[in-house]
Amino acid sequence: MVSVSAPPDHPPLSPVQEVPNAALTEAADEAEMPLPSNPQTFFLGGIFALGVFAALYEASSVILPVVLAFVLNLLLQPAVRLLVRLHLPRAFGALVAVLLTIGTLVGLVAALSVPAAIWAKRLPEGIPRLEAHLVVLQNPIRALQMVIQQAEEVADAPGQKASIMPVRQDLGLTSALFAGMRAVLDGLFTTVVVLYFLLVSGDTFLRRIVEVLPRFRDKRQAVDISQQIQEDISGYLVTITAMNAAVGVVTATAMYLCGLGDPVLWGATAFLLNYIPILGPLVGTCIFVLAGMLSFEGLWWALLPPALYFGIHLIEGETLTPMLLARRFTLNPVLIILALVFWFWMWGVPGAILAVPMLAILKIVCDRLRPLKALGHFLEG
């Protein structure tokens, strides 16, 4: 027999040498952020995005409760898993989590209804005091009114035909409130039903997706994206809820010490508004300015509650919360503002609350899909 050996100047590569090369190649591919070179990709992607946003806007009454249920599922899923580890059936654990959530919301609304009604009755009585505090702004307001009046006189110049405005029949305040309350109740019912079945199903959808994907690499990537979304968004929601509760307690204590009254109302207001980054604290500052002017005689005492609230927000929003969330993800603050404005326009207050979690989920998905890594890098803070 004649044996054939490899030439001495070209020795065969061993598996030990091939594995590092393959690992380096895979790492280099993952580090790349490719951009589409075909202009049609941008146009088709833009048309697809516009179609998706149009569908989200038109079908908001259906899609918004589903998205809210999905986010609440990420928040409550760890609690359901804990109950399952305690040898409780998953259906019973999901029911307990949903009932506790509903009970907390109902109790919060019931506790706040009485002081909110009291402040609503005090508002007409405090208008003279509010006018006394705002006497400094009378001259600028009068100047602005004169400018507006002059502009209206120029616009109503002679020779122009008066436009005929169509007469719209108003449904009345009671009918509008009834329609709005019905829409809210329908949305809450849909959210509760979808949330319960999401908690009961657990990882069923993820298992079905893994079974459908053809390649092992795709299966592993799907599991990695799902786990990362659950860990990061659950951690984000738990951290934000804990920090908002701390802000509510500190705000209630500060308002009680400065003599504003109804500390539970102001603590709950701070707790709820803190779910909306940047815009929520700004609205809260305006609310505390109004409450201080309605409660105190002197202007400096009236500005004390908003100053305390703003200081608490600075300590929490600029120091503690970013330090706790920096390990999970960081988002571009400009894009956060744009997302808040956009989703508030799309879905109102629930959209503003869901803006940051949806933006974080988009970043997690983009960071782990090679064609979308450039977008994920753009979203990073």
Protein backbone atom coordinates (compact mmCIF):
# COMPACT_ATOMS: atom_id res chain seq x y z
CA MET A 1 0.00 0.00 0.00
CA VAL A 2 1.09 3.51 -0.74
CA SER A 3 0.41 6.08 1.92
CA VAL A 4 -0.19 9.65 0.95
CA SER A 5 0.84 12.31 3.44
CA ALA A 6 0.25 16.00 3.39
CA PRO A 7 3.07 18.27 2.29
CA PRO A 8 5.20 19.43 5.16
CA ASP A 9 4.80 23.12 4.28
CA HIS A 10 0.99 22.91 4.46
CA PRO A 11 0.10 21.05 7.68
CA PRO A 12 -3.59 20.27 8.23
CA LEU A 13 -5.48 22.48 10.67
CA SER A 14 -6.53 20.81 13.88
CA PRO A 15 -10.04 21.27 15.34
CA VAL A 16 -8.50 23.27 18.16
CA GLN A 17 -7.23 25.79 15.62
CA GLU A 18 -10.45 25.91 13.62
CA VAL A 19 -12.78 26.63 16.57
CA PRO A 20 -11.13 29.92 17.62
CA ASN A 21 -11.18 31.10 14.01
CA ALA A 22 -14.89 30.32 13.73
CA ALA A 23 -15.56 32.04 17.05
CA LEU A 24 -13.65 35.11 15.94
CA THR A 25 -15.57 35.20 12.66
CA GLU A 26 -18.91 34.92 14.45
CA ALA A 27 -17.91 37.62 16.94
CA ALA A 28 -16.86 39.91 14.08
CA ASP A 29 -20.19 39.33 12.33
CA GLU A 30 -22.08 40.13 15.52
CA ALA A 31 -20.06 43.31 16.09
CA GLU A 32 -20.88 44.66 12.62
CA MET A 33 -23.74 47.09 12.14
CA PRO A 34 -24.61 46.76 8.45
CA LEU A 35 -26.68 49.41 6.71
CA PRO A 36 -28.91 48.55 3.74
CA SER A 37 -27.25 49.69 0.52
CA ASN A 38 -30.40 49.50 -1.60
CA PRO A 39 -32.50 52.72 -1.40
CA GLN A 40 -35.64 50.69 -1.96
CA THR A 41 -35.14 49.13 1.45
CA PHE A 42 -35.53 52.53 3.14
CA PHE A 43 -38.63 53.42 1.14
CA LEU A 44 -40.28 50.03 1.69
CA GLY A 45 -39.39 50.16 5.39
CA GLY A 46 -40.84 53.66 5.67
CA ILE A 47 -44.07 52.65 3.91
CA PHE A 48 -44.36 49.59 6.14
CA ALA A 49 -43.81 51.70 9.29
CA LEU A 50 -46.45 54.23 8.18
CA GLY A 51 -48.90 51.38 7.56
CA VAL A 52 -48.23 49.91 10.99
CA PHE A 53 -48.68 53.29 12.72
CA ALA A 54 -51.93 53.93 10.80
CA ALA A 55 -53.25 50.54 11.91
CA LEU A 56 -52.20 51.22 15.52
CA TYR A 57 -54.02 54.54 15.46
CA GLU A 58 -57.23 53.32 13.86
CA ALA A 59 -57.44 50.11 15.92
CA SER A 60 -56.27 51.66 19.18
CA SER A 61 -59.36 50.48 21.05
CA VAL A 62 -58.28 46.88 20.43
CA ILE A 63 -54.48 47.10 20.21
CA LEU A 64 -53.90 49.34 23.24
CA PRO A 65 -55.46 46.91 25.78
CA VAL A 66 -53.44 44.05 24.26
CA VAL A 67 -50.16 46.00 24.51
CA LEU A 68 -51.00 47.05 28.08
CA ALA A 69 -51.75 43.43 28.97
CA PHE A 70 -48.42 42.33 27.45
CA VAL A 71 -46.47 44.88 29.53
CA LEU A 72 -48.37 43.94 32.70
CA ASN A 73 -47.63 40.30 31.92
CA LEU A 74 -43.90 41.09 32.01
CA LEU A 75 -44.43 42.76 35.40
CA LEU A 76 -46.56 40.00 36.97
CA GLN A 77 -44.91 36.93 35.43
CA PRO A 78 -42.23 36.66 38.18
CA ALA A 79 -44.97 36.66 40.85
CA VAL A 80 -46.86 33.89 39.04
CA ARG A 81 -43.67 31.83 38.78
CA LEU A 82 -43.11 32.26 42.49
CA LEU A 83 -46.63 30.99 43.21
CA VAL A 84 -46.05 28.01 40.90
CA ARG A 85 -42.87 27.16 42.82
CA LEU A 86 -45.03 27.12 45.94
CA HIS A 87 -46.97 24.22 44.31
CA LEU A 88 -49.98 26.32 43.33
CA PRO A 89 -51.64 25.73 39.94
CA ARG A 90 -50.63 28.28 37.32
CA ALA A 91 -54.26 29.21 36.61
CA PHE A 92 -54.85 29.92 40.31
CA GLY A 93 -51.59 31.90 40.61
CA ALA A 94 -52.52 34.01 37.56
CA LEU A 95 -55.96 34.66 39.05
CA VAL A 96 -54.42 35.75 42.36
CA ALA A 97 -51.99 38.13 40.57
CA VAL A 98 -54.78 39.68 38.49
CA LEU A 99 -57.12 40.08 41.47
CA LEU A 100 -54.37 41.70 43.56
CA THR A 101 -53.65 44.16 40.74
CA ILE A 102 -57.33 45.04 40.34
CA GLY A 103 -57.77 45.36 44.10
CA THR A 104 -54.81 47.70 44.36
CA LEU A 105 -56.16 49.95 41.60
CA VAL A 106 -59.68 49.99 43.06
CA GLY A 107 -58.36 50.74 46.54
CA LEU A 108 -56.17 53.54 45.20
CA VAL A 109 -59.09 55.13 43.34
CA ALA A 110 -61.37 54.81 46.39
CA ALA A 111 -58.76 56.36 48.68
CA LEU A 112 -58.19 59.30 46.35
CA SER A 113 -61.80 60.04 45.43
CA VAL A 114 -62.70 61.81 48.69
CA PRO A 115 -59.72 64.23 48.90
CA ALA A 116 -59.93 64.91 45.16
CA ALA A 117 -63.61 65.87 45.55
CA ILE A 118 -62.71 68.15 48.46
CA TRP A 119 -60.08 69.96 46.41
CA ALA A 120 -62.52 70.28 43.51
CA LYS A 121 -64.96 72.07 45.86
CA ARG A 122 -62.18 74.32 47.17
CA LEU A 123 -61.19 75.45 43.69
CA PRO A 124 -63.96 78.07 43.18
CA GLU A 125 -63.35 79.47 46.68
CA GLY A 126 -59.62 79.83 46.05
CA ILE A 127 -59.87 81.73 42.77
CA PRO A 128 -59.58 85.19 44.45
CA ARG A 129 -56.45 84.03 46.28
CA LEU A 130 -55.08 82.67 43.00
CA GLU A 131 -55.73 86.00 41.31
CA ALA A 132 -53.93 87.80 44.13
CA HIS A 133 -50.86 85.61 43.60
CA LEU A 134 -50.95 86.15 39.84
CA VAL A 135 -51.30 89.94 40.01
CA VAL A 136 -47.70 90.23 38.79
CA LEU A 137 -48.71 88.64 35.50
CA GLN A 138 -51.64 90.94 34.80
CA ASN A 139 -49.72 93.42 32.62
CA PRO A 140 -48.14 90.76 30.34
CA ILE A 141 -51.53 89.03 30.01
CA ARG A 142 -53.22 92.31 29.06
CA ALA A 143 -50.53 93.05 26.47
CA LEU A 144 -51.00 89.60 24.99
CA GLN A 145 -54.77 90.11 24.87
CA MET A 146 -54.32 93.41 23.02
CA VAL A 147 -52.06 91.76 20.43
CA ILE A 148 -54.58 88.98 19.89
CA GLN A 149 -57.42 91.51 19.58
CA GLN A 150 -55.51 93.53 16.98
CA ALA A 151 -54.77 90.38 15.00
CA GLU A 152 -58.47 89.48 15.03
CA GLU A 153 -59.40 92.98 13.81
CA VAL A 154 -56.96 92.69 10.90
CA ALA A 155 -58.32 89.26 10.04
CA ASP A 156 -61.93 90.55 10.10
CA ALA A 157 -61.24 93.30 7.57
CA PRO A 158 -64.26 94.57 5.56
CA GLY A 159 -64.93 93.03 2.21
CA GLN A 160 -64.46 89.47 3.35
CA LYS A 161 -67.39 87.13 3.34
CA ALA A 162 -68.34 85.62 6.59
CA SER A 163 -67.72 81.92 6.57
CA ILE A 164 -70.66 79.72 7.33
CA MET A 165 -69.78 77.26 10.02
CA PRO A 166 -71.71 74.04 10.15
CA VAL A 167 -73.88 73.65 13.18
CA ARG A 168 -72.79 70.67 15.21
CA GLN A 169 -75.17 69.13 17.64
CA ASP A 170 -73.46 68.50 20.94
CA LEU A 171 -74.31 65.31 22.70
CA GLY A 172 -74.09 66.97 26.09
CA LEU A 173 -71.72 66.51 28.99
CA THR A 174 -73.56 63.50 30.44
CA SER A 175 -73.55 61.61 27.14
CA ALA A 176 -69.86 62.38 26.57
CA LEU A 177 -68.94 61.18 30.06
CA PHE A 178 -71.01 58.03 29.61
CA ALA A 179 -69.36 57.26 26.27
CA GLY A 180 -65.89 57.87 27.69
CA MET A 181 -66.57 55.73 30.76
CA ARG A 182 -67.89 52.92 28.59
CA ALA A 183 -64.78 53.00 26.41
CA VAL A 184 -62.53 52.91 29.49
CA LEU A 185 -64.43 49.97 31.00
CA ASP A 186 -64.31 48.07 27.72
CA GLY A 187 -60.57 48.60 27.49
CA LEU A 188 -60.02 47.52 31.10
CA PHE A 189 -62.10 44.38 30.61
CA THR A 190 -60.12 43.44 27.48
CA THR A 191 -56.84 44.10 29.30
CA VAL A 192 -57.81 41.91 32.27
CA VAL A 193 -58.96 39.00 30.09
CA VAL A 194 -55.87 39.08 27.84
CA LEU A 195 -53.57 39.52 30.85
CA TYR A 196 -55.03 36.48 32.62
CA PHE A 197 -54.58 34.18 29.63
CA LEU A 198 -51.07 35.50 28.99
CA LEU A 199 -50.14 34.67 32.59
CA VAL A 200 -51.71 31.22 32.30
CA SER A 201 -50.01 30.40 28.97
CA GLY A 202 -46.53 31.20 30.30
CA ASP A 203 -43.89 30.30 27.70
CA THR A 204 -46.27 28.57 25.29
CA PHE A 205 -45.82 31.12 22.50
CA LEU A 206 -42.05 31.03 22.87
CA ARG A 207 -42.01 27.22 22.63
CA ARG A 208 -44.14 27.32 19.47
CA ILE A 209 -41.85 29.91 17.88
CA VAL A 210 -38.77 27.82 18.72
CA GLU A 211 -40.40 24.75 17.20
CA VAL A 212 -41.19 26.59 13.96
CA LEU A 213 -37.74 28.14 13.40
CA PRO A 214 -35.58 25.93 11.17
CA ARG A 215 -32.02 26.57 12.36
CA PHE A 216 -30.59 26.07 15.83
CA ARG A 217 -28.98 29.51 15.71
CA ASP A 218 -32.39 31.11 15.11
CA LYS A 219 -33.93 29.09 17.94
CA ARG A 220 -31.20 30.20 20.33
CA GLN A 221 -31.58 33.82 19.21
CA ALA A 222 -35.35 33.76 19.76
CA VAL A 223 -34.91 32.36 23.27
CA ASP A 224 -32.21 34.94 24.03
CA ILE A 225 -34.39 37.85 22.85
CA SER A 226 -37.41 36.62 24.83
CA GLN A 227 -35.42 36.09 28.02
CA GLN A 228 -33.70 39.45 27.68
CA ILE A 229 -37.02 41.25 27.17
CA GLN A 230 -38.53 39.53 30.20
CA GLU A 231 -35.53 40.20 32.44
CA ASP A 232 -34.89 43.80 31.38
CA ILE A 233 -38.48 45.01 31.13
CA SER A 234 -39.53 43.19 34.31
CA GLY A 235 -36.54 44.66 36.12
CA TYR A 236 -37.30 48.09 34.68
CA LEU A 237 -40.97 47.98 35.71
CA VAL A 238 -40.20 46.65 39.20
CA THR A 239 -37.46 49.24 39.72
CA ILE A 240 -39.61 52.10 38.44
CA THR A 241 -42.57 51.01 40.56
CA ALA A 242 -40.41 50.79 43.69
CA MET A 243 -38.82 54.19 43.04
CA ASN A 244 -42.21 55.76 42.27
CA ALA A 245 -43.58 54.37 45.54
CA ALA A 246 -40.60 55.86 47.38
CA VAL A 247 -41.18 59.19 45.63
CA GLY A 248 -44.86 59.05 46.63
CA VAL A 249 -44.04 58.39 50.28
CA VAL A 250 -41.41 61.13 50.45
CA THR A 251 -43.68 63.60 48.63
CA ALA A 252 -46.59 62.84 50.97
CA THR A 253 -44.33 63.36 53.99
CA ALA A 254 -42.96 66.63 52.60
CA MET A 255 -46.44 67.99 51.82
CA TYR A 256 -47.66 67.05 55.31
CA LEU A 257 -44.72 68.80 56.95
CA CYS A 258 -45.15 71.99 54.92
CA GLY A 259 -48.86 72.11 55.79
CA LEU A 260 -50.41 71.48 52.38
CA GLY A 261 -52.86 68.86 53.65
CA ASP A 262 -54.17 65.61 52.12
CA PRO A 263 -50.71 64.00 51.91
CA VAL A 264 -52.15 60.72 50.55
CA LEU A 265 -53.55 62.55 47.53
CA TRP A 266 -50.27 64.28 46.72
CA GLY A 267 -48.23 61.15 47.31
CA ALA A 268 -50.45 59.18 44.93
CA THR A 269 -50.26 62.00 42.38
CA ALA A 270 -46.47 61.95 42.50
CA PHE A 271 -46.47 58.14 42.29
CA LEU A 272 -48.66 58.05 39.16
CA LEU A 273 -47.07 60.98 37.33
CA ASN A 274 -43.59 59.57 37.82
CA TYR A 275 -44.43 56.74 35.41
CA ILE A 276 -44.26 59.30 32.59
CA PRO A 277 -40.60 60.41 32.31
CA ILE A 278 -39.83 64.13 32.06
CA LEU A 279 -43.36 65.23 31.12
CA GLY A 280 -44.99 63.70 34.22
CA PRO A 281 -42.82 65.63 36.73
CA LEU A 282 -43.39 68.83 34.75
CA VAL A 283 -47.15 68.38 35.01
CA GLY A 284 -46.75 67.51 38.70
CA THR A 285 -44.81 70.73 39.31
CA CYS A 286 -47.63 72.77 37.74
CA ILE A 287 -50.20 70.93 39.89
CA PHE A 288 -48.23 71.66 43.07
CA VAL A 289 -47.84 75.31 42.06
CA LEU A 290 -51.62 75.57 41.73
CA ALA A 291 -52.22 73.71 45.01
CA GLY A 292 -49.73 75.91 46.86
CA MET A 293 -51.31 79.10 45.57
CA LEU A 294 -54.75 77.88 46.60
CA SER A 295 -53.58 76.95 50.10
CA PHE A 296 -51.12 79.64 51.29
CA GLU A 297 -51.37 83.41 51.57
CA GLY A 298 -47.75 84.36 50.87
CA LEU A 299 -46.21 83.78 47.46
CA TRP A 300 -43.01 82.22 48.84
CA TRP A 301 -44.97 79.77 50.97
CA ALA A 302 -47.09 78.95 47.92
CA LEU A 303 -43.95 78.08 45.95
CA LEU A 304 -42.61 75.81 48.69
CA PRO A 305 -44.63 72.64 47.71
CA PRO A 306 -43.56 72.70 44.03
CA ALA A 307 -39.96 73.41 45.08
CA LEU A 308 -39.97 70.39 47.41
CA TYR A 309 -41.54 68.17 44.75
CA PHE A 310 -39.06 69.34 42.12
CA GLY A 311 -36.14 68.70 44.48
CA ILE A 312 -37.38 65.18 45.23
CA HIS A 313 -37.68 64.49 41.51
CA LEU A 314 -34.16 65.77 40.84
CA ILE A 315 -32.69 63.44 43.47
CA GLU A 316 -34.69 60.45 42.20
CA GLY A 317 -34.80 61.07 38.46
CA GLU A 318 -31.25 62.31 37.95
CA THR A 319 -29.33 60.20 40.47
CA LEU A 320 -30.98 57.11 41.95
CA THR A 321 -33.06 55.70 39.09
CA PRO A 322 -30.40 56.15 36.34
CA MET A 323 -27.85 54.48 38.61
CA LEU A 324 -30.15 51.49 39.16
CA LEU A 325 -31.17 51.14 35.51
CA ALA A 326 -27.80 51.83 33.86
CA ARG A 327 -26.84 48.15 33.99
CA ARG A 328 -29.91 47.05 32.04
CA PHE A 329 -30.20 49.56 29.22
CA THR A 330 -29.75 53.22 28.44
CA LEU A 331 -31.92 55.12 25.97
CA ASN A 332 -31.38 58.36 24.11
CA PRO A 333 -33.21 61.09 26.08
CA VAL A 334 -34.16 62.97 22.91
CA LEU A 335 -35.78 59.83 21.52
CA ILE A 336 -37.57 59.32 24.84
CA ILE A 337 -39.14 62.79 24.51
CA LEU A 338 -40.13 62.10 20.90
CA ALA A 339 -41.58 58.72 21.88
CA LEU A 340 -43.59 60.31 24.71
CA VAL A 341 -45.02 62.99 22.42
CA PHE A 342 -45.76 60.53 19.62
CA TRP A 343 -47.44 57.85 21.71
CA PHE A 344 -49.38 60.44 23.70
CA TRP A 345 -50.74 61.70 20.37
CA MET A 346 -51.50 58.13 19.30
CA TRP A 347 -53.01 56.65 22.49
CA GLY A 348 -53.25 59.45 25.06
CA VAL A 349 -52.02 59.00 28.63
CA PRO A 350 -51.71 55.17 28.38
CA GLY A 351 -49.51 55.65 25.32
CA ALA A 352 -47.24 58.04 27.24
CA ILE A 353 -46.93 55.46 30.05
CA LEU A 354 -46.12 52.65 27.59
CA ALA A 355 -43.71 54.73 25.47
CA VAL A 356 -40.51 53.92 27.37
CA PRO A 357 -41.17 50.14 27.77
CA MET A 358 -41.98 49.85 24.06
CA LEU A 359 -38.86 51.81 23.14
CA ALA A 360 -36.78 49.56 25.41
CA ILE A 361 -38.26 46.41 23.83
CA LEU A 362 -37.46 47.77 20.37
CA LYS A 363 -33.85 48.39 21.41
CA ILE A 364 -33.47 44.88 22.85
CA VAL A 365 -34.76 43.32 19.63
CA CYS A 366 -32.60 45.55 17.42
CA ASP A 367 -29.46 44.81 19.42
CA ARG A 368 -29.83 41.07 18.80
CA LEU A 369 -30.84 41.10 15.13
CA ARG A 370 -27.90 41.79 12.85
CA PRO A 371 -29.84 43.75 10.16
CA LEU A 372 -31.26 46.07 12.87
CA LYS A 373 -28.12 46.62 14.96
CA ALA A 374 -27.56 50.07 13.50
CA LEU A 375 -31.02 51.14 14.71
CA GLY A 376 -30.30 49.67 18.15
CA HIS A 377 -27.06 51.64 18.33
CA PHE A 378 -28.96 54.78 17.35
CA LEU A 379 -31.46 54.25 20.19
CA GLU A 380 -28.72 53.87 22.79
CA GLY A 381 -28.15 56.68 25.25
